[in-house]
Structure formats: C-alpha cells, structure tokens
Amino acid sequence: MKGKRFTEEQIAFALRPAESGVSVTEICRKMEVSEATFYRWKKKFAGMGVAELRRLKQLEEENRKLKQWVADLSLGKHMLQDVLKKSGKTSDATTDGPLSYLELWPECPTCRSGPSSRWVDLQVSK
C-alpha cells in the first residue's frame, strides 16, 4: 500500500482554488490525482483552515488512544474473569461472601489500608 503523498495542510491548500472558481479538472491535473480523490478530500477537509486541521488530527489521535485504553481494559477484565473461573471463586450467593478487592487486585494502593466505609464486604449466610 502506498504512503500518503500529501499532508492535510497541502490538501486544504489545494481545495481553496476550487472554492474560488477554478475547475476541478484543472486542480486534479496539477496535483496529479483523480477527481474521486479530490471529492473525497473535499468531503473531509472542505472549509477547514490549518488550525482546524491540526485540531482534527489531535482529536483523531486522542480518539485512537482512548480506543486503545478501552481495548486494554476490556482485555484486563476478561483475564481477571478467566482467573476467577479457573480458581473456582465466584461472587454469587453459593460462596461465603463476595471477593474483596485485595483478592482481585492485590497491588491496589488504596486497598492496602483496609476497607473504606464505601466498600463493605458482607458475609452471606447459608
């Protein structure tokens, strides 16, 4: 697959003459791109300045990072659930009680000091 030939700033600069009346065919010939490529660029970048393009790139990067974090957290959750299934521990009413946070995440810095008033482990009577 070919890499990008033009930056977003170059694309935005190339779209400006079309707004002032220069024919699309002429612009495409000068840039050596197809009209389909030009219209795809126009759909994505029309009316944007350089500052707006930078902001768009920043938001796309932030979105990519957030998606990666969600994927990592989901993987961690599934790994914890697999460990719980393999160890035979569950948190339903058939056990002695719910699992504490120290059992699920022993290196949690906030759980070392003991249970807080917000999280109380209740024992389920049989």
C-alpha atoms as a PDB file:
ATOM      1  CA  MET A   1       0.000   0.000   0.000  1.00  0.00           C
ATOM      2  CA  LYS A   2       1.317   3.428  -0.922  1.00  0.00           C
ATOM      3  CA  GLY A   3       2.023   6.012   1.712  1.00  0.00           C
ATOM      4  CA  LYS A   4       0.442   9.439   1.761  1.00  0.00           C
ATOM      5  CA  ARG A   5       1.695  11.844  -0.870  1.00  0.00           C
ATOM      6  CA  PHE A   6       0.106  14.958   0.570  1.00  0.00           C
ATOM      7  CA  THR A   7      -0.264  16.312   4.087  1.00  0.00           C
ATOM      8  CA  GLU A   8      -3.586  17.598   5.359  1.00  0.00           C
ATOM      9  CA  GLU A   9      -2.289  21.172   5.064  1.00  0.00           C
ATOM     10  CA  GLN A  10      -1.361  20.620   1.413  1.00  0.00           C
ATOM     11  CA  ILE A  11      -4.782  19.138   0.723  1.00  0.00           C
ATOM     12  CA  ALA A  12      -6.563  22.085   2.354  1.00  0.00           C
ATOM     13  CA  PHE A  13      -4.402  24.484   0.346  1.00  0.00           C
ATOM     14  CA  ALA A  14      -5.259  22.578  -2.860  1.00  0.00           C
ATOM     15  CA  LEU A  15      -9.002  22.786  -2.156  1.00  0.00           C
ATOM     16  CA  ARG A  16      -9.015  26.594  -1.907  1.00  0.00           C
ATOM     17  CA  PRO A  17      -8.803  27.310  -5.658  1.00  0.00           C
ATOM     18  CA  ALA A  18     -11.905  25.179  -6.235  1.00  0.00           C
ATOM     19  CA  GLU A  19     -13.826  27.443  -3.854  1.00  0.00           C
ATOM     20  CA  SER A  20     -12.794  30.481  -5.886  1.00  0.00           C
ATOM     21  CA  GLY A  21     -13.972  29.004  -9.185  1.00  0.00           C
ATOM     22  CA  VAL A  22     -11.028  27.078 -10.667  1.00  0.00           C
ATOM     23  CA  SER A  23     -12.213  23.879 -12.347  1.00  0.00           C
ATOM     24  CA  VAL A  24     -11.808  20.600 -10.503  1.00  0.00           C
ATOM     25  CA  THR A  25     -10.265  19.015 -13.601  1.00  0.00           C
ATOM     26  CA  GLU A  26      -7.518  21.648 -13.678  1.00  0.00           C
ATOM     27  CA  ILE A  27      -6.725  21.216  -9.979  1.00  0.00           C
ATOM     28  CA  CYS A  28      -6.638  17.424 -10.319  1.00  0.00           C
ATOM     29  CA  ARG A  29      -4.306  17.666 -13.315  1.00  0.00           C
ATOM     30  CA  LYS A  30      -1.885  19.948 -11.430  1.00  0.00           C
ATOM     31  CA  MET A  31      -1.869  17.736  -8.325  1.00  0.00           C
ATOM     32  CA  GLU A  32      -1.846  14.505 -10.348  1.00  0.00           C
ATOM     33  CA  VAL A  33      -4.808  12.978  -8.506  1.00  0.00           C
ATOM     34  CA  SER A  34      -8.137  11.618  -9.692  1.00  0.00           C
ATOM     35  CA  GLU A  35     -11.359  13.534  -9.365  1.00  0.00           C
ATOM     36  CA  ALA A  36     -12.631  10.876  -6.962  1.00  0.00           C
ATOM     37  CA  THR A  37      -9.675  11.613  -4.683  1.00  0.00           C
ATOM     38  CA  PHE A  38     -10.364  15.330  -4.938  1.00  0.00           C
ATOM     39  CA  TYR A  39     -14.020  14.900  -3.954  1.00  0.00           C
ATOM     40  CA  ARG A  40     -13.058  12.589  -1.085  1.00  0.00           C
ATOM     41  CA  TRP A  41     -10.679  15.290   0.169  1.00  0.00           C
ATOM     42  CA  LYS A  42     -13.381  17.901  -0.295  1.00  0.00           C
ATOM     43  CA  LYS A  43     -15.841  15.845   1.739  1.00  0.00           C
ATOM     44  CA  LYS A  44     -13.372  15.513   4.606  1.00  0.00           C
ATOM     45  CA  PHE A  45     -11.482  18.820   4.584  1.00  0.00           C
ATOM     46  CA  ALA A  46     -13.771  21.386   2.908  1.00  0.00           C
ATOM     47  CA  GLY A  47     -13.758  24.779   4.595  1.00  0.00           C
ATOM     48  CA  MET A  48     -11.049  23.878   7.108  1.00  0.00           C
ATOM     49  CA  GLY A  49      -8.069  26.047   7.837  1.00  0.00           C
ATOM     50  CA  VAL A  50      -4.673  24.900   9.034  1.00  0.00           C
ATOM     51  CA  ALA A  51      -5.588  25.375  12.711  1.00  0.00           C
ATOM     52  CA  GLU A  52      -8.768  23.336  12.298  1.00  0.00           C
ATOM     53  CA  LEU A  53      -6.831  20.573  10.537  1.00  0.00           C
ATOM     54  CA  ARG A  54      -4.346  20.425  13.399  1.00  0.00           C
ATOM     55  CA  ARG A  55      -7.230  20.193  15.863  1.00  0.00           C
ATOM     56  CA  LEU A  56      -8.802  17.413  13.763  1.00  0.00           C
ATOM     57  CA  LYS A  57      -5.525  15.488  13.779  1.00  0.00           C
ATOM     58  CA  GLN A  58      -5.221  15.988  17.555  1.00  0.00           C
ATOM     59  CA  LEU A  59      -8.770  14.715  18.131  1.00  0.00           C
ATOM     60  CA  GLU A  60      -8.199  11.692  15.895  1.00  0.00           C
ATOM     61  CA  GLU A  61      -5.041  10.840  17.878  1.00  0.00           C
ATOM     62  CA  GLU A  62      -6.898  11.240  21.178  1.00  0.00           C
ATOM     63  CA  ASN A  63      -9.692   9.012  19.868  1.00  0.00           C
ATOM     64  CA  ARG A  64      -7.140   6.363  18.856  1.00  0.00           C
ATOM     65  CA  LYS A  65      -5.574   6.423  22.337  1.00  0.00           C
ATOM     66  CA  LEU A  66      -8.961   6.150  24.047  1.00  0.00           C
ATOM     67  CA  LYS A  67      -9.918   3.185  21.879  1.00  0.00           C
ATOM     68  CA  GLN A  68      -6.616   1.531  22.806  1.00  0.00           C
ATOM     69  CA  TRP A  69      -7.278   2.127  26.519  1.00  0.00           C
ATOM     70  CA  VAL A  70     -10.755   0.607  26.223  1.00  0.00           C
ATOM     71  CA  ALA A  71      -9.303  -2.426  24.455  1.00  0.00           C
ATOM     72  CA  ASP A  72      -6.620  -2.828  27.146  1.00  0.00           C
ATOM     73  CA  LEU A  73      -9.148  -2.514  29.968  1.00  0.00           C
ATOM     74  CA  SER A  74     -11.502  -4.992  28.318  1.00  0.00           C
ATOM     75  CA  LEU A  75      -8.652  -7.455  27.918  1.00  0.00           C
ATOM     76  CA  GLY A  76      -7.721  -6.998  31.585  1.00  0.00           C
ATOM     77  CA  LYS A  77     -11.317  -7.594  32.631  1.00  0.00           C
ATOM     78  CA  HIS A  78     -11.524 -10.792  30.589  1.00  0.00           C
ATOM     79  CA  MET A  79      -8.218 -12.001  32.024  1.00  0.00           C
ATOM     80  CA  LEU A  80      -9.491 -11.414  35.579  1.00  0.00           C
ATOM     81  CA  GLN A  81     -12.710 -13.260  34.812  1.00  0.00           C
ATOM     82  CA  ASP A  82     -10.735 -16.204  33.413  1.00  0.00           C
ATOM     83  CA  VAL A  83      -8.574 -16.313  36.551  1.00  0.00           C
ATOM     84  CA  LEU A  84     -11.684 -16.278  38.728  1.00  0.00           C
ATOM     85  CA  LYS A  85     -13.255 -19.109  36.742  1.00  0.00           C
ATOM     86  CA  LYS A  86     -10.092 -21.208  36.939  1.00  0.00           C
ATOM     87  CA  SER A  87      -9.674 -20.644  40.675  1.00  0.00           C
ATOM     88  CA  GLY A  88     -13.312 -21.558  41.304  1.00  0.00           C
ATOM     89  CA  LYS A  89     -14.076 -18.327  43.121  1.00  0.00           C
ATOM     90  CA  THR A  90     -17.330 -16.599  42.287  1.00  0.00           C
ATOM     91  CA  SER A  91     -19.246 -13.828  43.957  1.00  0.00           C
ATOM     92  CA  ASP A  92     -22.735 -15.354  43.860  1.00  0.00           C
ATOM     93  CA  ALA A  93     -24.784 -16.496  46.870  1.00  0.00           C
ATOM     94  CA  THR A  94     -23.309 -20.019  46.949  1.00  0.00           C
ATOM     95  CA  THR A  95     -19.977 -18.814  48.375  1.00  0.00           C
ATOM     96  CA  ASP A  96     -19.126 -17.486  51.811  1.00  0.00           C
ATOM     97  CA  GLY A  97     -19.250 -13.923  50.559  1.00  0.00           C
ATOM     98  CA  PRO A  98     -18.128 -11.559  47.855  1.00  0.00           C
ATOM     99  CA  LEU A  99     -14.495 -11.362  46.873  1.00  0.00           C
ATOM    100  CA  SER A 100     -12.620  -8.439  48.351  1.00  0.00           C
ATOM    101  CA  TYR A 101     -10.768  -6.001  46.175  1.00  0.00           C
ATOM    102  CA  LEU A 102      -7.478  -7.262  47.615  1.00  0.00           C
ATOM    103  CA  GLU A 103      -8.206 -10.721  46.204  1.00  0.00           C
ATOM    104  CA  LEU A 104      -8.975  -9.300  42.764  1.00  0.00           C
ATOM    105  CA  TRP A 105      -6.224  -6.682  42.702  1.00  0.00           C
ATOM    106  CA  PRO A 106      -3.638  -7.253  45.444  1.00  0.00           C
ATOM    107  CA  GLU A 107      -1.369  -4.403  44.371  1.00  0.00           C
ATOM    108  CA  CYS A 108      -4.097  -1.748  44.578  1.00  0.00           C
ATOM    109  CA  PRO A 109      -2.603   1.136  46.632  1.00  0.00           C
ATOM    110  CA  THR A 110      -5.940   2.295  48.023  1.00  0.00           C
ATOM    111  CA  CYS A 111      -6.982  -1.174  49.206  1.00  0.00           C
ATOM    112  CA  ARG A 112      -3.884  -1.779  51.366  1.00  0.00           C
ATOM    113  CA  SER A 113      -5.156   0.441  54.134  1.00  0.00           C
ATOM    114  CA  GLY A 114      -8.202  -1.755  54.669  1.00  0.00           C
ATOM    115  CA  PRO A 115     -11.778  -1.452  53.521  1.00  0.00           C
ATOM    116  CA  SER A 116     -13.203   2.025  53.318  1.00  0.00           C
ATOM    117  CA  SER A 117     -16.631   2.973  54.565  1.00  0.00           C
ATOM    118  CA  ARG A 118     -17.846   2.988  50.981  1.00  0.00           C
ATOM    119  CA  TRP A 119     -16.971  -0.655  50.243  1.00  0.00           C
ATOM    120  CA  VAL A 120     -18.056  -3.132  52.886  1.00  0.00           C
ATOM    121  CA  ASP A 121     -17.709  -6.893  52.447  1.00  0.00           C
ATOM    122  CA  LEU A 122     -20.889  -8.618  53.579  1.00  0.00           C
ATOM    123  CA  GLN A 123     -20.965 -12.281  54.514  1.00  0.00           C
ATOM    124  CA  VAL A 124     -23.798 -14.291  53.002  1.00  0.00           C
ATOM    125  CA  SER A 125     -25.385 -16.710  55.450  1.00  0.00           C
ATOM    126  CA  LYS A 126     -26.130 -20.213  54.215  1.00  0.00           C
END
